[in-house]
């Protein structure tokens, strides 16, 4: 089940991710789990929202650029 197609800007890059159920997640294909740190943080965000995810290498800052249903 696809929740949203979300385009994030982070660390100078723009990537498009689809938030999916855990069994369908595949980061290489741009499919991230809604249970993952990025997926959890991205849910219920709106275009223009900025959110930060803690990673082993430090904080990663994301900005929601576009959301499609």
PDB file of N, CA and C in Angstrom:
ATOM      1  N   UNK A   1       0.843  -1.183   0.000  1.00  0.00           N
ATOM      2  CA  UNK A   1       0.000   0.000   0.000  1.00  0.00           C
ATOM      3  C   UNK A   1       0.884   1.241   0.000  1.00  0.00           C
ATOM      4  N   UNK A   2       0.727   2.108  -0.971  1.00  0.00           N
ATOM      5  CA  UNK A   2       1.512   3.328  -1.084  1.00  0.00           C
ATOM      6  C   UNK A   2       0.813   4.428  -0.302  1.00  0.00           C
ATOM      7  N   UNK A   3       1.543   5.062   0.575  1.00  0.00           N
ATOM      8  CA  UNK A   3       0.988   6.167   1.349  1.00  0.00           C
ATOM      9  C   UNK A   3       1.111   7.474   0.560  1.00  0.00           C
ATOM     10  N   UNK A   4       2.343   7.861   0.237  1.00  0.00           N
ATOM     11  CA  UNK A   4       2.553   9.104  -0.488  1.00  0.00           C
ATOM     12  C   UNK A   4       3.814   8.997  -1.328  1.00  0.00           C
ATOM     13  N   UNK A   5       3.865   9.819  -2.330  1.00  0.00           N
ATOM     14  CA  UNK A   5       5.078   9.989  -3.111  1.00  0.00           C
ATOM     15  C   UNK A   5       5.601  11.350  -2.701  1.00  0.00           C
ATOM     16  N   UNK A   6       6.757  11.373  -2.100  1.00  0.00           N
ATOM     17  CA  UNK A   6       7.263  12.598  -1.505  1.00  0.00           C
ATOM     18  C   UNK A   6       8.635  12.918  -2.058  1.00  0.00           C
ATOM     19  N   UNK A   7       8.840  14.156  -2.445  1.00  0.00           N
ATOM     20  CA  UNK A   7      10.146  14.595  -2.905  1.00  0.00           C
ATOM     21  C   UNK A   7      10.782  15.401  -1.786  1.00  0.00           C
ATOM     22  N   UNK A   8      11.982  14.981  -1.381  1.00  0.00           N
ATOM     23  CA  UNK A   8      12.705  15.640  -0.302  1.00  0.00           C
ATOM     24  C   UNK A   8      13.955  16.292  -0.859  1.00  0.00           C
ATOM     25  N   UNK A   9      14.286  17.420  -0.310  1.00  0.00           N
ATOM     26  CA  UNK A   9      15.585  18.019  -0.573  1.00  0.00           C
ATOM     27  C   UNK A   9      16.438  17.815   0.663  1.00  0.00           C
ATOM     28  N   UNK A  10      17.646  17.320   0.472  1.00  0.00           N
ATOM     29  CA  UNK A  10      18.535  17.154   1.614  1.00  0.00           C
ATOM     30  C   UNK A  10      19.974  17.179   1.144  1.00  0.00           C
ATOM     31  N   UNK A  11      20.821  17.742   1.965  1.00  0.00           N
ATOM     32  CA  UNK A  11      22.258  17.855   1.695  1.00  0.00           C
ATOM     33  C   UNK A  11      22.562  18.176   0.233  1.00  0.00           C
ATOM     34  N   UNK A  12      21.831  19.148  -0.302  1.00  0.00           N
ATOM     35  CA  UNK A  12      22.091  19.594  -1.655  1.00  0.00           C
ATOM     36  C   UNK A  12      21.530  18.709  -2.752  1.00  0.00           C
ATOM     37  N   UNK A  13      20.797  17.675  -2.403  1.00  0.00           N
ATOM     38  CA  UNK A  13      20.221  16.763  -3.384  1.00  0.00           C
ATOM     39  C   UNK A  13      18.709  16.800  -3.296  1.00  0.00           C
ATOM     40  N   UNK A  14      18.077  16.402  -4.381  1.00  0.00           N
ATOM     41  CA  UNK A  14      16.627  16.205  -4.358  1.00  0.00           C
ATOM     42  C   UNK A  14      16.376  14.750  -4.728  1.00  0.00           C
ATOM     43  N   UNK A  15      15.660  14.060  -3.871  1.00  0.00           N
ATOM     44  CA  UNK A  15      15.344  12.646  -4.072  1.00  0.00           C
ATOM     45  C   UNK A  15      13.841  12.471  -3.945  1.00  0.00           C
ATOM     46  N   UNK A  16      13.289  11.519  -4.671  1.00  0.00           N
ATOM     47  CA  UNK A  16      11.869  11.199  -4.548  1.00  0.00           C
ATOM     48  C   UNK A  16      11.728   9.830  -3.909  1.00  0.00           C
ATOM     49  N   UNK A  17      10.925   9.771  -2.859  1.00  0.00           N
ATOM     50  CA  UNK A  17      10.682   8.528  -2.142  1.00  0.00           C
ATOM     51  C   UNK A  17       9.194   8.242  -2.106  1.00  0.00           C
ATOM     52  N   UNK A  18       8.860   6.977  -2.134  1.00  0.00           N
ATOM     53  CA  UNK A  18       7.491   6.543  -1.911  1.00  0.00           C
ATOM     54  C   UNK A  18       7.457   5.858  -0.556  1.00  0.00           C
ATOM     55  N   UNK A  19       6.555   6.275   0.302  1.00  0.00           N
ATOM     56  CA  UNK A  19       6.434   5.666   1.624  1.00  0.00           C
ATOM     57  C   UNK A  19       5.492   4.477   1.484  1.00  0.00           C
ATOM     58  N   UNK A  20       6.003   3.297   1.832  1.00  0.00           N
ATOM     59  CA  UNK A  20       5.273   2.041   1.636  1.00  0.00           C
ATOM     60  C   UNK A  20       5.267   1.239   2.929  1.00  0.00           C
ATOM     61  N   UNK A  21       4.558   0.127   2.905  1.00  0.00           N
ATOM     62  CA  UNK A  21       4.581  -0.803   4.030  1.00  0.00           C
ATOM     63  C   UNK A  21       5.960  -1.438   4.157  1.00  0.00           C
ATOM     64  N   UNK A  22       6.271  -1.918   5.318  1.00  0.00           N
ATOM     65  CA  UNK A  22       7.590  -2.480   5.609  1.00  0.00           C
ATOM     66  C   UNK A  22       7.991  -3.575   4.637  1.00  0.00           C
ATOM     67  N   UNK A  23       7.072  -4.433   4.250  1.00  0.00           N
ATOM     68  CA  UNK A  23       7.407  -5.552   3.361  1.00  0.00           C
ATOM     69  C   UNK A  23       7.763  -5.121   1.951  1.00  0.00           C
ATOM     70  N   UNK A  24       7.425  -3.908   1.564  1.00  0.00           N
ATOM     71  CA  UNK A  24       7.683  -3.435   0.211  1.00  0.00           C
ATOM     72  C   UNK A  24       8.852  -2.460   0.128  1.00  0.00           C
ATOM     73  N   UNK A  25       9.479  -2.158   1.250  1.00  0.00           N
ATOM     74  CA  UNK A  25      10.558  -1.171   1.282  1.00  0.00           C
ATOM     75  C   UNK A  25      11.781  -1.654   0.493  1.00  0.00           C
ATOM     76  N   UNK A  26      12.363  -0.742  -0.270  1.00  0.00           N
ATOM     77  CA  UNK A  26      13.598  -0.988  -1.012  1.00  0.00           C
ATOM     78  C   UNK A  26      14.200   0.380  -1.300  1.00  0.00           C
ATOM     79  N   UNK A  27      15.156   0.787  -0.489  1.00  0.00           N
ATOM     80  CA  UNK A  27      15.728   2.129  -0.586  1.00  0.00           C
ATOM     81  C   UNK A  27      16.336   2.381  -1.957  1.00  0.00           C
ATOM     82  N   UNK A  28      16.966   1.392  -2.545  1.00  0.00           N
ATOM     83  CA  UNK A  28      17.578   1.574  -3.873  1.00  0.00           C
ATOM     84  C   UNK A  28      16.543   1.933  -4.932  1.00  0.00           C
ATOM     85  N   UNK A  29      15.302   1.504  -4.724  1.00  0.00           N
ATOM     86  CA  UNK A  29      14.220   1.821  -5.651  1.00  0.00           C
ATOM     87  C   UNK A  29      13.407   3.035  -5.194  1.00  0.00           C
ATOM     88  N   UNK A  30      13.857   3.681  -4.124  1.00  0.00           N
ATOM     89  CA  UNK A  30      13.155   4.857  -3.617  1.00  0.00           C
ATOM     90  C   UNK A  30      11.923   4.535  -2.802  1.00  0.00           C
ATOM     91  N   UNK A  31      11.824   3.299  -2.319  1.00  0.00           N
ATOM     92  CA  UNK A  31      10.679   2.860  -1.515  1.00  0.00           C
ATOM     93  C   UNK A  31      11.111   2.772  -0.056  1.00  0.00           C
ATOM     94  N   UNK A  32      10.592   3.646   0.788  1.00  0.00           N
ATOM     95  CA  UNK A  32      10.977   3.617   2.198  1.00  0.00           C
ATOM     96  C   UNK A  32       9.774   3.258   3.059  1.00  0.00           C
ATOM     97  N   UNK A  33      10.062   2.534   4.105  1.00  0.00           N
ATOM     98  CA  UNK A  33       9.026   2.091   5.024  1.00  0.00           C
ATOM     99  C   UNK A  33       8.508   3.256   5.854  1.00  0.00           C
ATOM    100  N   UNK A  34       7.218   3.261   6.081  1.00  0.00           N
ATOM    101  CA  UNK A  34       6.628   4.226   6.991  1.00  0.00           C
ATOM    102  C   UNK A  34       7.084   4.015   8.424  1.00  0.00           C
ATOM    103  N   UNK A  35       7.713   2.869   8.691  1.00  0.00           N
ATOM    104  CA  UNK A  35       8.248   2.561  10.021  1.00  0.00           C
ATOM    105  C   UNK A  35       9.716   2.978  10.168  1.00  0.00           C
ATOM    106  N   UNK A  36      10.355   3.348   9.058  1.00  0.00           N
ATOM    107  CA  UNK A  36      11.760   3.765   9.105  1.00  0.00           C
ATOM    108  C   UNK A  36      11.855   5.152   9.738  1.00  0.00           C
ATOM    109  N   UNK A  37      13.043   5.538  10.226  1.00  0.00           N
ATOM    110  CA  UNK A  37      13.176   6.877  10.816  1.00  0.00           C
ATOM    111  C   UNK A  37      12.745   7.999   9.862  1.00  0.00           C
ATOM    112  N   UNK A  38      13.153   7.921   8.599  1.00  0.00           N
ATOM    113  CA  UNK A  38      12.766   8.962   7.636  1.00  0.00           C
ATOM    114  C   UNK A  38      11.272   8.879   7.352  1.00  0.00           C
ATOM    115  N   UNK A  39      10.759   7.667   7.157  1.00  0.00           N
ATOM    116  CA  UNK A  39       9.336   7.497   6.901  1.00  0.00           C
ATOM    117  C   UNK A  39       8.474   8.025   8.023  1.00  0.00           C
ATOM    118  N   UNK A  40       8.835   7.701   9.261  1.00  0.00           N
ATOM    119  CA  UNK A  40       8.078   8.181  10.419  1.00  0.00           C
ATOM    120  C   UNK A  40       8.109   9.704  10.491  1.00  0.00           C
ATOM    121  N   UNK A  41       9.288  10.270  10.275  1.00  0.00           N
ATOM    122  CA  UNK A  41       9.435  11.720  10.378  1.00  0.00           C
ATOM    123  C   UNK A  41       8.686  12.438   9.254  1.00  0.00           C
ATOM    124  N   UNK A  42       8.579  11.803   8.084  1.00  0.00           N
ATOM    125  CA  UNK A  42       7.956  12.440   6.922  1.00  0.00           C
ATOM    126  C   UNK A  42       6.432  12.403   6.963  1.00  0.00           C
ATOM    127  N   UNK A  43       5.880  11.407   7.638  1.00  0.00           N
ATOM    128  CA  UNK A  43       4.422  11.286   7.670  1.00  0.00           C
ATOM    129  C   UNK A  43       3.780  12.530   8.271  1.00  0.00           C
ATOM    130  N   UNK A  44       2.696  12.963   7.682  1.00  0.00           N
ATOM    131  CA  UNK A  44       1.913  14.121   8.112  1.00  0.00           C
ATOM    132  C   UNK A  44       2.627  15.452   7.903  1.00  0.00           C
ATOM    133  N   UNK A  45       3.711  15.460   7.164  1.00  0.00           N
ATOM    134  CA  UNK A  45       4.374  16.714   6.831  1.00  0.00           C
ATOM    135  C   UNK A  45       3.712  17.307   5.598  1.00  0.00           C
ATOM    136  N   UNK A  46       3.871  18.610   5.420  1.00  0.00           N
ATOM    137  CA  UNK A  46       3.312  19.325   4.283  1.00  0.00           C
ATOM    138  C   UNK A  46       4.454  19.898   3.452  1.00  0.00           C
ATOM    139  N   UNK A  47       4.130  20.279   2.225  1.00  0.00           N
ATOM    140  CA  UNK A  47       5.121  20.914   1.366  1.00  0.00           C
ATOM    141  C   UNK A  47       5.678  22.138   2.086  1.00  0.00           C
ATOM    142  N   UNK A  48       6.996  22.250   2.078  1.00  0.00           N
ATOM    143  CA  UNK A  48       7.674  23.353   2.752  1.00  0.00           C
ATOM    144  C   UNK A  48       8.138  23.012   4.149  1.00  0.00           C
ATOM    145  N   UNK A  49       7.598  21.926   4.737  1.00  0.00           N
ATOM    146  CA  UNK A  49       8.029  21.519   6.077  1.00  0.00           C
ATOM    147  C   UNK A  49       9.467  21.021   6.045  1.00  0.00           C
ATOM    148  N   UNK A  50      10.171  21.296   7.110  1.00  0.00           N
ATOM    149  CA  UNK A  50      11.537  20.813   7.283  1.00  0.00           C
ATOM    150  C   UNK A  50      11.534  19.896   8.497  1.00  0.00           C
ATOM    151  N   UNK A  51      12.231  18.761   8.372  1.00  0.00           N
ATOM    152  CA  UNK A  51      12.343  17.860   9.517  1.00  0.00           C
ATOM    153  C   UNK A  51      13.757  17.299   9.571  1.00  0.00           C
ATOM    154  N   UNK A  52      14.146  16.879  10.752  1.00  0.00           N
ATOM    155  CA  UNK A  52      15.505  16.375  10.983  1.00  0.00           C
ATOM    156  C   UNK A  52      15.417  14.946  11.476  1.00  0.00           C
ATOM    157  N   UNK A  53      16.290  14.104  10.914  1.00  0.00           N
ATOM    158  CA  UNK A  53      16.356  12.697  11.313  1.00  0.00           C
ATOM    159  C   UNK A  53      17.746  12.441  11.870  1.00  0.00           C
ATOM    160  N   UNK A  54      17.801  11.779  13.025  1.00  0.00           N
ATOM    161  CA  UNK A  54      19.078  11.400  13.622  1.00  0.00           C
ATOM    162  C   UNK A  54      19.624  10.181  12.903  1.00  0.00           C
ATOM    163  N   UNK A  55      20.862  10.239  12.475  1.00  0.00           N
ATOM    164  CA  UNK A  55      21.538   9.126  11.797  1.00  0.00           C
ATOM    165  C   UNK A  55      22.861   8.871  12.511  1.00  0.00           C
ATOM    166  N   UNK A  56      23.458   7.697  12.300  1.00  0.00           N
ATOM    167  CA  UNK A  56      24.739   7.415  12.950  1.00  0.00           C
ATOM    168  C   UNK A  56      25.805   8.488  12.670  1.00  0.00           C
ATOM    169  N   UNK A  57      25.776   9.073  11.484  1.00  0.00           N
ATOM    170  CA  UNK A  57      26.762  10.097  11.124  1.00  0.00           C
ATOM    171  C   UNK A  57      26.351  11.497  11.589  1.00  0.00           C
ATOM    172  N   UNK A  58      25.196  11.620  12.216  1.00  0.00           N
ATOM    173  CA  UNK A  58      24.703  12.915  12.683  1.00  0.00           C
ATOM    174  C   UNK A  58      23.313  13.203  12.148  1.00  0.00           C
ATOM    175  N   UNK A  59      22.896  14.437  12.308  1.00  0.00           N
ATOM    176  CA  UNK A  59      21.550  14.836  11.879  1.00  0.00           C
ATOM    177  C   UNK A  59      21.498  15.023  10.367  1.00  0.00           C
ATOM    178  N   UNK A  60      20.373  14.602   9.770  1.00  0.00           N
ATOM    179  CA  UNK A  60      20.127  14.840   8.355  1.00  0.00           C
ATOM    180  C   UNK A  60      18.872  15.696   8.271  1.00  0.00           C
ATOM    181  N   UNK A  61      18.984  16.809   7.578  1.00  0.00           N
ATOM    182  CA  UNK A  61      17.883  17.768   7.450  1.00  0.00           C
ATOM    183  C   UNK A  61      17.179  17.529   6.116  1.00  0.00           C
ATOM    184  N   UNK A  62      15.869  17.421   6.158  1.00  0.00           N
ATOM    185  CA  UNK A  62      15.045  17.193   4.973  1.00  0.00           C
ATOM    186  C   UNK A  62      14.059  18.332   4.818  1.00  0.00           C
ATOM    187  N   UNK A  63      13.736  18.670   3.592  1.00  0.00           N
ATOM    188  CA  UNK A  63      12.659  19.602   3.299  1.00  0.00           C
ATOM    189  C   UNK A  63      11.706  18.934   2.335  1.00  0.00           C
ATOM    190  N   UNK A  64      10.420  18.994   2.615  1.00  0.00           N
ATOM    191  CA  UNK A  64       9.414  18.400   1.725  1.00  0.00           C
ATOM    192  C   UNK A  64       9.167  19.384   0.588  1.00  0.00           C
ATOM    193  N   UNK A  65       9.442  18.939  -0.632  1.00  0.00           N
ATOM    194  CA  UNK A  65       9.317  19.776  -1.807  1.00  0.00           C
ATOM    195  C   UNK A  65       8.003  19.534  -2.540  1.00  0.00           C
ATOM    196  N   UNK A  66       7.567  18.279  -2.587  1.00  0.00           N
ATOM    197  CA  UNK A  66       6.342  17.943  -3.296  1.00  0.00           C
ATOM    198  C   UNK A  66       5.744  16.681  -2.683  1.00  0.00           C
ATOM    199  N   UNK A  67       4.425  16.599  -2.666  1.00  0.00           N
ATOM    200  CA  UNK A  67       3.738  15.399  -2.188  1.00  0.00           C
ATOM    201  C   UNK A  67       2.653  15.054  -3.198  1.00  0.00           C
ATOM    202  N   UNK A  68       2.619  13.795  -3.618  1.00  0.00           N
ATOM    203  CA  UNK A  68       1.577  13.300  -4.513  1.00  0.00           C
ATOM    204  C   UNK A  68       0.870  12.162  -3.814  1.00  0.00           C
ATOM    205  N   UNK A  69      -0.390  11.974  -4.113  1.00  0.00           N
ATOM    206  CA  UNK A  69      -1.141  10.843  -3.532  1.00  0.00           C
ATOM    207  C   UNK A  69      -1.341   9.796  -4.577  1.00  0.00           C
TER     208      UNK A  69
END
